[in-house]
Every structure is written in structure tokens, then in C-alpha cells.
Amino acid sequence: MAGFELIGKEERDEVNDVFNKGGVLFRHGFEKMRKGVYKVDEFEREFAQKFKVNYARAVSSGTAALLVALKALGVKPGDEVITQSFTFVATVEAIIEAGAVPVITEINKTLNMDPFDLEKKITDKTRVVLPVHMMGGPAQMDEIMHIARENNLLVLEDTAQALGGEYKGKKLGTIGDVGIFSFDFGKTLTTGEGGMIVSNNKEIYLRAKEYSDHGHQSNPNFPRGEDTRRMSGFNFNMMELQGAVGLAQLRKIDYAMARQKENKKKIKEAIRDIPGIEFRKIADSEGACSDNLVFFLEDKGKAVNFVKKLADKGIGTNLLPGAIRWHFAGNWDHIFPRFEQFRGKDLNQFWSKSAEILERAIALPIMVKMDDNQINKIIEIIKSNF
């Protein structure tokens, strides 16, 4: 959580600038009307600079970013894309929409892809490895990148929940061949809906740019209506108002992340010695985002009981355990039965290790604007229930 907490005058000023200078809401064309205002282009440039990457392409959602990135990587029907059992359903939806077959690994106590299981899942049909940096925590990218390169596989980082995080000094989303981000209303940076694709590979970027804009190559030698093309595509363009809000939000993320880090540290330090609490393993504790504090209890029963006690005191949880239905492959009986190996079977059996980890996990949301009274209340309630 962060972006929506900080919406204010800066976002309003950027949006008003669009209307004050022609009111063109489409990112392309209408040059005489728009008076030089190209908010989405500007957002892309500042985003690429901030994340120290060569290319950035803004699109209409994080889900669209996943699909566009897969298309830009050349994924085709019959290819296999390996991702993890704990992720938002959009990750697998995008793989299927690209015509590929999703192959799902177990997670470990990082709550991210288990590299040992990744190795087991690679076949001669594998095209892409798609790790997800869940809930702000980096995946074990050294191991994942090594395995991918050893097997000549491309890597797409799903950074929808970890914008601004780092792994060993590198921005998450910039380590693999391509990375994606989400800007929905619950994200660190929000444009309401929206997403971004980043890469240091020019050809990947160009393919993403073209696919997300009906195949337009934006050839400077031709007007848009006569533009050249080499591939079909779809319309996943970001609109100018989203770009305007994104610009203002981008300039606030350092402050937001620093405040969350301070708030998380206070709570974690206060409860770290409580018997029965095991904190999530973090692959890079300095680089991780701090919008959640995740810990495990000894078993599912204790976790369920503890969450109920928190709720009774007015303290909510974030994603775990409440939204697990949408974030664990073992629950997706509307998706996997289309594949023969899953038909008529209990999906949990395929990712039993992940299920055991997730059913004991509790995630406390860490807000930017938490004051000491709120923090102390959370600490006292946790301590009183152990």
C-alpha cells in the first residue's frame, strides 16, 4: 500500500495540465491540439531513468503488461512458461492468453519460486521462466537466472507487487530479459489501472511497443494513418490522464518506501522474540519493499484463530490469508481443468508444499501514513494473543 495514500495536489496539477493544454486524452496524434503535452511519453522516460533501464512501455494494466511482454518474447502456442503457485491469477491468465501452457512450481519460505523445483519443471518445450516478486519480497534471482541461462531460457520478471524493490543492488524488474509492473489502486505507484514493461533489449521493447498498439511501428516517415507494420497486435495503450497521475506518483515513491520501511521495522523489532512466530525468508532484506510484514505460525489452526482475533480488534490482514483464493494455483479450478493432467483431480496435491506454507502465513499491511499510536496498537494486540 502507498500510492493511493499520497494522491494530492501534484496529481491534480498534472491532470489539469492535460486539460489546460488542449485536453487530448489519447497518447498519440492530435499534434496541433495538444500543445506539446505527451504525459505517457514523459512518464515512460522518467520511469526508465528512475529504474536505470533503457526502455519502458506504458500499457493499460499490469495484466496487459504480462501478455504484451510474453508476446514480445516470442511466446507462441505450445510453448511452456514456468511460473509459481503463489501469484495473482493474472500471471497464469496471461500465459494462457498468449497461447502457451503454464507450468507451475512450488514456492519456498521466500513465498516466491523455489529454484530447486524450477529445475525439475524444465522440458524441451520450456520457453520462458516467469518468477513473481510476491508481496514486495525479491525472488532468488541469482539461482533463477543461472538456471535459465544454463537452459537457454528467457526470463520475465513479474514485479507487479514489488515496484521499487531491489535485489543485490539491481532494481527488481530489470534483472531478467524483460520486467513488468502494475499500477492498480493498491500498488506502490497507482494510476488507477495501468502497467509498464521494461527492458534493456531494444528488439523486445519494439515488439512490446508494436503489439500493444495494433502493430503500429510509429514510423516517423509516415502519418499514423499510413504507418508501417510487421505484426498484428491489440490495443493496450495507456491514456494521457493515467500518464499524468503516474508522473506525480513516480516522484513520491522514494518517500513512500522509506516511510514504510521505518514503520515495518518498528513492528518487526517489537514482535521478533515472540515464541511461535517465524518471519518470512527474504532473499535481500535491504532491497525488499516494506508494504507487508509476513510471518508464519506453527499450523493452520493457530493462523486462522490468530487472524480472527486480529479482526475482532479491528486489525486487518493483506492478501494472506484473506485473498488466497485469487493468489494460489491450488484454488484455480476454473483454469487448470482445461489441461488434461489436472482434470478431475484435487489441485492442492500438485503444490502441497506451497499449500502448507501459505496456510500458516499472515501478512500485516504496512501503510505510509501509520502513526506511532497505530503501530503501538498493532504491537500490543499481537503480543496479547501469544
Protein backbone atom coordinates (compact mmCIF):
# COMPACT_ATOMS: atom_id res chain seq x y z
CA MET A 1 0.00 0.00 0.00
CA ALA A 2 1.21 3.50 -0.71
CA GLY A 3 0.12 5.22 -3.91
CA PHE A 4 -3.50 5.95 -3.04
CA GLU A 5 -2.44 7.32 0.36
CA LEU A 6 -0.43 10.05 -1.31
CA ILE A 7 -2.76 11.27 -4.06
CA GLY A 8 -2.99 15.05 -3.80
CA LYS A 9 -2.22 18.38 -5.41
CA GLU A 10 0.66 17.06 -7.53
CA GLU A 11 -1.55 14.53 -9.33
CA ARG A 12 -4.28 17.12 -9.80
CA ASP A 13 -1.83 19.61 -11.29
CA GLU A 14 -0.50 17.08 -13.79
CA VAL A 15 -4.05 16.13 -14.85
CA ASN A 16 -5.08 19.78 -15.14
CA ASP A 17 -2.07 20.38 -17.37
CA VAL A 18 -3.58 17.96 -19.89
CA PHE A 19 -6.89 19.85 -19.95
CA ASN A 20 -5.28 23.30 -19.86
CA LYS A 21 -3.23 22.49 -22.97
CA GLY A 22 -5.75 21.06 -25.40
CA GLY A 23 -7.42 18.26 -23.46
CA VAL A 24 -6.10 15.45 -25.68
CA LEU A 25 -6.62 12.21 -23.77
CA PHE A 26 -5.14 9.85 -26.36
CA ARG A 27 -1.38 9.27 -26.21
CA HIS A 28 -0.91 9.51 -29.99
CA GLY A 29 -1.51 12.18 -32.59
CA PHE A 30 -3.65 15.35 -32.48
CA GLU A 31 -0.40 17.34 -32.50
CA LYS A 32 -1.97 20.70 -33.23
CA MET A 33 -4.45 20.36 -30.36
CA ARG A 34 -2.21 19.05 -27.60
CA LYS A 35 0.31 21.89 -27.42
CA GLY A 36 3.27 19.62 -26.86
CA VAL A 37 1.76 17.66 -23.96
CA TYR A 38 2.61 13.96 -24.05
CA LYS A 39 2.20 12.73 -20.49
CA VAL A 40 2.52 9.00 -21.23
CA ASP A 41 5.72 9.55 -23.21
CA GLU A 42 7.07 11.65 -20.35
CA PHE A 43 6.06 9.02 -17.80
CA GLU A 44 7.88 6.33 -19.77
CA ARG A 45 11.05 8.41 -20.00
CA GLU A 46 11.10 9.25 -16.29
CA PHE A 47 10.27 5.67 -15.34
CA ALA A 48 13.14 4.29 -17.45
CA GLN A 49 15.52 6.83 -15.92
CA LYS A 50 14.36 6.07 -12.38
CA PHE A 51 14.73 2.33 -12.83
CA LYS A 52 18.01 2.61 -14.76
CA VAL A 53 16.72 0.71 -17.77
CA ASN A 54 16.98 1.54 -21.47
CA TYR A 55 13.33 1.18 -22.47
CA ALA A 56 9.90 1.47 -20.87
CA ARG A 57 6.47 0.99 -22.44
CA ALA A 58 3.31 2.03 -20.55
CA VAL A 59 0.14 -0.02 -21.06
CA SER A 60 -3.42 -0.19 -19.76
CA SER A 61 -2.89 -2.66 -16.87
CA GLY A 62 -0.41 -4.96 -15.21
CA THR A 63 -2.23 -7.91 -16.77
CA ALA A 64 -1.83 -6.34 -20.22
CA ALA A 65 1.86 -5.82 -19.45
CA LEU A 66 2.27 -9.55 -18.82
CA LEU A 67 0.59 -10.54 -22.07
CA VAL A 68 2.46 -7.93 -24.10
CA ALA A 69 5.78 -9.00 -22.58
CA LEU A 70 5.14 -12.65 -23.40
CA LYS A 71 4.29 -11.71 -26.98
CA ALA A 72 7.42 -9.54 -27.20
CA LEU A 73 9.49 -12.54 -26.08
CA GLY A 74 8.09 -14.56 -28.97
CA VAL A 75 5.99 -16.97 -26.91
CA LYS A 76 3.77 -19.00 -29.21
CA PRO A 77 1.12 -21.73 -28.89
CA GLY A 78 2.57 -24.93 -27.47
CA ASP A 79 5.41 -23.22 -25.63
CA GLU A 80 5.66 -23.76 -21.89
CA VAL A 81 6.09 -20.87 -19.47
CA ILE A 82 7.15 -21.72 -15.93
CA THR A 83 5.79 -19.60 -13.10
CA GLN A 84 4.97 -20.16 -9.43
CA SER A 85 1.99 -21.43 -7.45
CA PHE A 86 1.65 -18.26 -5.35
CA THR A 87 0.87 -15.29 -7.58
CA PHE A 88 -2.14 -13.30 -8.66
CA VAL A 89 -4.27 -15.21 -11.16
CA ALA A 90 -3.34 -12.70 -13.89
CA THR A 91 0.11 -14.26 -14.26
CA VAL A 92 -1.37 -17.57 -15.40
CA GLU A 93 -4.19 -15.89 -17.35
CA ALA A 94 -1.62 -14.02 -19.45
CA ILE A 95 0.30 -17.22 -20.20
CA ILE A 96 -2.88 -18.88 -21.43
CA GLU A 97 -3.93 -15.83 -23.46
CA ALA A 98 -0.54 -15.95 -25.17
CA GLY A 99 -1.40 -19.49 -26.26
CA ALA A 100 1.23 -21.08 -24.03
CA VAL A 101 0.99 -23.78 -21.36
CA PRO A 102 1.50 -22.67 -17.74
CA VAL A 103 3.85 -24.90 -15.73
CA ILE A 104 3.69 -24.21 -12.01
CA THR A 105 6.47 -24.56 -9.44
CA GLU A 106 6.26 -24.80 -5.70
CA ILE A 107 7.25 -21.81 -3.59
CA ASN A 108 9.59 -21.81 -0.60
CA LYS A 109 9.59 -19.62 2.51
CA THR A 110 10.50 -16.57 0.45
CA LEU A 111 6.90 -17.01 -0.85
CA ASN A 112 8.46 -16.98 -4.31
CA MET A 113 9.61 -19.52 -6.88
CA ASP A 114 11.54 -22.48 -5.47
CA PRO A 115 14.67 -22.73 -7.69
CA PHE A 116 15.03 -26.45 -6.95
CA ASP A 117 11.54 -27.14 -8.23
CA LEU A 118 12.15 -24.86 -11.21
CA GLU A 119 14.93 -27.13 -12.41
CA LYS A 120 12.61 -30.14 -12.22
CA LYS A 121 9.93 -28.46 -14.33
CA ILE A 122 12.05 -27.57 -17.37
CA THR A 123 11.32 -29.53 -20.56
CA ASP A 124 12.27 -29.17 -24.21
CA LYS A 125 9.10 -27.08 -24.64
CA THR A 126 10.02 -24.51 -21.99
CA ARG A 127 10.44 -21.03 -23.47
CA VAL A 128 10.23 -18.57 -20.55
CA VAL A 129 10.77 -18.56 -16.79
CA LEU A 130 8.40 -16.13 -15.05
CA PRO A 131 9.32 -15.50 -11.40
CA VAL A 132 6.99 -13.29 -9.37
CA HIS A 133 8.32 -10.99 -6.64
CA MET A 134 5.36 -11.52 -4.33
CA MET A 135 4.35 -9.01 -1.68
CA GLY A 136 7.47 -6.91 -2.10
CA GLY A 137 9.95 -9.74 -1.50
CA PRO A 138 12.58 -10.46 -4.18
CA ALA A 139 12.71 -13.90 -5.72
CA GLN A 140 16.06 -15.71 -5.58
CA MET A 141 17.20 -14.18 -8.84
CA ASP A 142 20.81 -15.40 -8.80
CA GLU A 143 19.67 -19.01 -8.76
CA ILE A 144 16.79 -18.43 -11.17
CA MET A 145 18.93 -16.55 -13.70
CA HIS A 146 21.66 -19.20 -13.52
CA ILE A 147 19.17 -22.00 -14.19
CA ALA A 148 17.54 -20.05 -17.03
CA ARG A 149 20.81 -19.22 -18.75
CA GLU A 150 22.08 -22.78 -18.38
CA ASN A 151 18.96 -23.90 -20.26
CA ASN A 152 18.86 -21.04 -22.81
CA LEU A 153 15.58 -19.72 -21.41
CA LEU A 154 14.25 -16.18 -21.35
CA VAL A 155 13.27 -14.56 -18.05
CA LEU A 156 10.25 -12.33 -17.48
CA GLU A 157 10.02 -10.76 -14.02
CA ASP A 158 6.52 -10.13 -12.68
CA THR A 159 7.17 -7.13 -10.44
CA ALA A 160 3.53 -6.15 -10.04
CA GLN A 161 3.80 -6.30 -6.24
CA ALA A 162 7.38 -5.11 -5.79
CA LEU A 163 7.82 -1.80 -7.58
CA GLY A 164 10.91 -0.02 -6.27
CA GLY A 165 12.41 -3.12 -4.68
CA GLU A 166 15.95 -4.27 -5.35
CA TYR A 167 17.98 -7.46 -5.41
CA LYS A 168 21.70 -7.09 -4.70
CA GLY A 169 21.73 -3.52 -5.94
CA LYS A 170 19.63 -4.08 -9.06
CA LYS A 171 16.07 -2.87 -9.43
CA LEU A 172 13.54 -5.69 -9.49
CA GLY A 173 12.11 -5.99 -12.98
CA THR A 174 15.44 -5.11 -14.63
CA ILE A 175 17.38 -8.32 -13.92
CA GLY A 176 15.75 -10.62 -16.48
CA ASP A 177 15.19 -10.05 -20.18
CA VAL A 178 12.03 -8.07 -19.50
CA GLY A 179 10.07 -6.95 -16.45
CA ILE A 180 6.54 -5.75 -15.82
CA PHE A 181 4.85 -3.55 -13.22
CA SER A 182 1.26 -2.90 -12.17
CA PHE A 183 -0.22 0.47 -11.23
CA ASP A 184 -3.65 -0.56 -9.95
CA PHE A 185 -5.15 1.24 -6.97
CA GLY A 186 -3.50 -0.97 -4.35
CA LYS A 187 0.04 -0.61 -5.67
CA THR A 188 3.03 1.45 -4.55
CA LEU A 189 2.52 3.66 -7.58
CA THR A 190 -1.05 3.94 -8.82
CA THR A 191 -2.64 5.32 -11.95
CA GLY A 192 -5.97 3.66 -11.10
CA GLU A 193 -5.25 0.98 -13.68
CA GLY A 194 -2.10 0.72 -15.73
CA GLY A 195 1.15 -1.13 -16.17
CA MET A 196 4.69 -0.84 -17.50
CA ILE A 197 7.03 -3.11 -19.47
CA VAL A 198 10.78 -2.51 -19.17
CA SER A 199 13.78 -4.00 -20.94
CA ASN A 200 17.35 -3.25 -21.93
CA ASN A 201 16.81 -5.16 -25.17
CA LYS A 202 15.71 -2.83 -27.99
CA GLU A 203 14.06 -5.56 -30.08
CA ILE A 204 11.99 -6.80 -27.14
CA TYR A 205 10.94 -3.23 -26.43
CA LEU A 206 9.97 -2.55 -30.04
CA ARG A 207 7.90 -5.72 -30.22
CA ALA A 208 6.15 -4.77 -26.97
CA LYS A 209 5.52 -1.26 -28.27
CA GLU A 210 4.08 -2.54 -31.54
CA TYR A 211 1.97 -5.35 -30.09
CA SER A 212 0.37 -3.01 -27.53
CA ASP A 213 -0.63 -0.56 -30.29
CA HIS A 214 -2.28 -2.71 -33.00
CA GLY A 215 1.10 -3.34 -34.62
CA HIS A 216 1.89 0.35 -35.25
CA GLN A 217 5.61 0.93 -35.71
CA SER A 218 5.26 4.69 -35.16
CA ASN A 219 7.35 5.23 -38.27
CA PRO A 220 8.39 8.92 -38.34
CA ASN A 221 8.29 8.91 -42.14
CA PHE A 222 4.53 8.34 -42.27
CA PRO A 223 1.42 9.83 -40.63
CA ARG A 224 -0.28 7.48 -38.17
CA GLY A 225 -2.99 6.50 -40.64
CA GLU A 226 -0.37 5.31 -43.11
CA ASP A 227 2.00 3.82 -40.53
CA THR A 228 4.08 0.73 -41.31
CA ARG A 229 3.64 -2.59 -39.51
CA ARG A 230 5.22 -6.05 -39.33
CA MET A 231 2.94 -7.82 -36.83
CA SER A 232 -0.63 -7.83 -35.60
CA GLY A 233 -1.38 -6.57 -32.15
CA PHE A 234 -4.04 -5.26 -29.83
CA ASN A 235 -4.93 -2.00 -28.08
CA PHE A 236 -3.30 -1.81 -24.68
CA ASN A 237 -2.42 1.89 -24.81
CA MET A 238 -2.24 3.93 -21.61
CA MET A 239 -4.24 7.17 -21.75
CA GLU A 240 -2.85 10.62 -21.02
CA LEU A 241 -4.65 11.08 -17.68
CA GLN A 242 -3.06 7.88 -16.38
CA GLY A 243 0.33 9.07 -17.55
CA ALA A 244 -0.20 12.38 -15.79
CA VAL A 245 -1.05 10.72 -12.47
CA GLY A 246 1.85 8.31 -12.94
CA LEU A 247 4.33 11.16 -13.27
CA ALA A 248 3.28 12.67 -9.95
CA GLN A 249 3.24 9.31 -8.23
CA LEU A 250 6.66 8.33 -9.53
CA ARG A 251 8.18 11.34 -7.82
CA LYS A 252 6.81 10.16 -4.45
CA ILE A 253 7.89 6.52 -4.34
CA ASP A 254 11.21 7.09 -2.55
CA TYR A 255 9.41 8.86 0.27
CA ALA A 256 6.67 6.22 0.41
CA MET A 257 9.12 3.32 0.53
CA ALA A 258 11.28 4.98 3.21
CA ARG A 259 8.28 5.58 5.46
CA GLN A 260 7.02 2.03 5.04
CA LYS A 261 10.46 0.67 5.83
CA GLU A 262 10.56 2.64 9.08
CA ASN A 263 7.07 1.52 10.08
CA LYS A 264 7.71 -2.13 9.28
CA LYS A 265 10.96 -2.12 11.26
CA LYS A 266 9.20 -0.82 14.37
CA ILE A 267 6.62 -3.60 14.33
CA LYS A 268 9.05 -6.35 13.41
CA GLU A 269 11.55 -5.42 16.10
CA ALA A 270 8.80 -5.33 18.72
CA ILE A 271 7.47 -8.82 17.97
CA ARG A 272 10.57 -10.67 16.76
CA ASP A 273 11.17 -12.50 20.05
CA ILE A 274 7.63 -13.81 20.46
CA PRO A 275 7.75 -17.63 20.58
CA GLY A 276 5.85 -19.27 17.73
CA ILE A 277 6.43 -16.53 15.16
CA GLU A 278 8.67 -17.28 12.17
CA PHE A 279 9.30 -14.42 9.79
CA ARG A 280 9.25 -14.85 6.03
CA LYS A 281 12.65 -15.51 4.49
CA ILE A 282 13.78 -12.51 2.44
CA ALA A 283 16.27 -13.06 -0.39
CA ASP A 284 17.56 -9.49 0.04
CA SER A 285 16.30 -7.81 3.19
CA GLU A 286 17.82 -4.44 2.31
CA GLY A 287 16.28 -4.41 -1.14
CA ALA A 288 12.82 -5.71 -0.26
CA CYS A 289 9.77 -3.45 -0.29
CA SER A 290 8.09 -2.94 3.08
CA ASP A 291 4.37 -2.79 2.35
CA ASN A 292 3.79 -6.08 4.19
CA LEU A 293 5.12 -7.84 7.26
CA VAL A 294 4.72 -11.58 6.73
CA PHE A 295 5.21 -14.27 9.34
CA PHE A 296 4.25 -17.90 9.84
CA LEU A 297 2.58 -19.56 12.79
CA GLU A 298 3.04 -23.21 13.74
CA ASP A 299 -0.02 -24.60 11.98
CA LYS A 300 -3.14 -23.65 10.05
CA GLY A 301 -5.42 -23.75 13.07
CA LYS A 302 -3.32 -21.25 15.01
CA ALA A 303 -3.13 -18.98 11.98
CA VAL A 304 -6.91 -18.99 11.45
CA ASN A 305 -7.54 -18.33 15.14
CA PHE A 306 -4.98 -15.53 15.26
CA VAL A 307 -6.46 -13.75 12.23
CA LYS A 308 -9.90 -13.91 13.83
CA LYS A 309 -8.56 -12.30 17.00
CA LEU A 310 -6.92 -9.55 14.97
CA ALA A 311 -10.17 -8.90 13.10
CA ASP A 312 -12.09 -8.71 16.36
CA LYS A 313 -9.75 -5.88 17.38
CA GLY A 314 -10.13 -4.08 14.06
CA ILE A 315 -6.77 -5.15 12.59
CA GLY A 316 -6.93 -6.48 9.03
CA THR A 317 -4.52 -8.59 7.02
CA ASN A 318 -3.33 -8.10 3.45
CA LEU A 319 -3.75 -10.92 0.91
CA LEU A 320 -2.72 -13.65 3.36
CA PRO A 321 -4.87 -15.30 4.30
CA GLY A 322 -7.93 -13.40 3.09
CA ALA A 323 -7.35 -13.21 -0.67
CA ILE A 324 -5.64 -16.56 -1.15
CA ARG A 325 -8.47 -17.78 -3.39
CA TRP A 326 -7.19 -15.45 -6.10
CA HIS A 327 -3.50 -15.97 -5.38
CA PHE A 328 -2.87 -19.71 -5.12
CA ALA A 329 -2.93 -22.12 -8.07
CA GLY A 330 -4.45 -24.85 -5.92
CA ASN A 331 -7.71 -22.87 -5.90
CA TRP A 332 -8.00 -22.28 -9.64
CA ASP A 333 -10.42 -25.00 -10.65
CA HIS A 334 -11.79 -22.57 -13.26
CA ILE A 335 -8.43 -22.63 -15.10
CA PHE A 336 -6.43 -25.83 -14.76
CA PRO A 337 -9.06 -28.46 -15.64
CA ARG A 338 -8.71 -27.36 -19.28
CA PHE A 339 -5.36 -29.21 -19.15
CA GLU A 340 -5.73 -32.99 -19.13
CA GLN A 341 -3.27 -33.73 -16.32
CA PHE A 342 -5.34 -31.67 -13.86
CA ARG A 343 -8.83 -32.76 -14.90
CA GLY A 344 -10.92 -34.27 -12.11
CA LYS A 345 -8.11 -34.01 -9.55
CA ASP A 346 -7.55 -32.10 -6.32
CA LEU A 347 -5.27 -29.27 -7.42
CA ASN A 348 -3.73 -28.88 -3.97
CA GLN A 349 -1.93 -32.19 -4.38
CA PHE A 350 0.20 -30.71 -7.16
CA TRP A 351 1.55 -27.94 -4.91
CA SER A 352 1.19 -29.41 -1.43
CA LYS A 353 4.40 -27.81 -0.14
CA SER A 354 3.14 -24.38 -1.18
CA ALA A 355 -0.25 -25.00 0.41
CA GLU A 356 1.36 -25.94 3.72
CA ILE A 357 3.44 -22.76 3.73
CA LEU A 358 0.60 -20.45 2.73
CA GLU A 359 -1.97 -21.78 5.19
CA ARG A 360 0.33 -20.78 8.08
CA ALA A 361 1.16 -17.32 6.70
CA ILE A 362 -0.18 -14.00 7.93
CA ALA A 363 0.51 -10.65 6.24
CA LEU A 364 0.10 -7.36 8.05
CA PRO A 365 -0.29 -4.35 5.75
CA ILE A 366 2.26 -1.59 6.33
CA MET A 367 0.96 1.83 5.39
CA VAL A 368 2.85 5.02 4.63
CA LYS A 369 0.80 7.18 6.96
CA MET A 370 0.87 4.97 10.06
CA ASP A 371 1.49 6.98 13.21
CA ASP A 372 3.02 5.66 16.43
CA ASN A 373 -0.40 5.17 18.01
CA GLN A 374 -1.47 2.84 15.20
CA ILE A 375 1.84 1.00 15.27
CA ASN A 376 1.73 0.53 19.03
CA LYS A 377 -1.86 -0.72 18.86
CA ILE A 378 -0.86 -3.42 16.37
CA ILE A 379 2.11 -4.43 18.51
CA GLU A 380 0.00 -4.64 21.67
CA ILE A 381 -2.72 -6.71 20.01
CA ILE A 382 -0.18 -9.16 18.58
CA LYS A 383 1.59 -9.55 21.92
CA SER A 384 -1.68 -10.03 23.80
CA ASN A 385 -2.57 -13.03 21.64
CA PHE A 386 0.58 -15.05 22.37
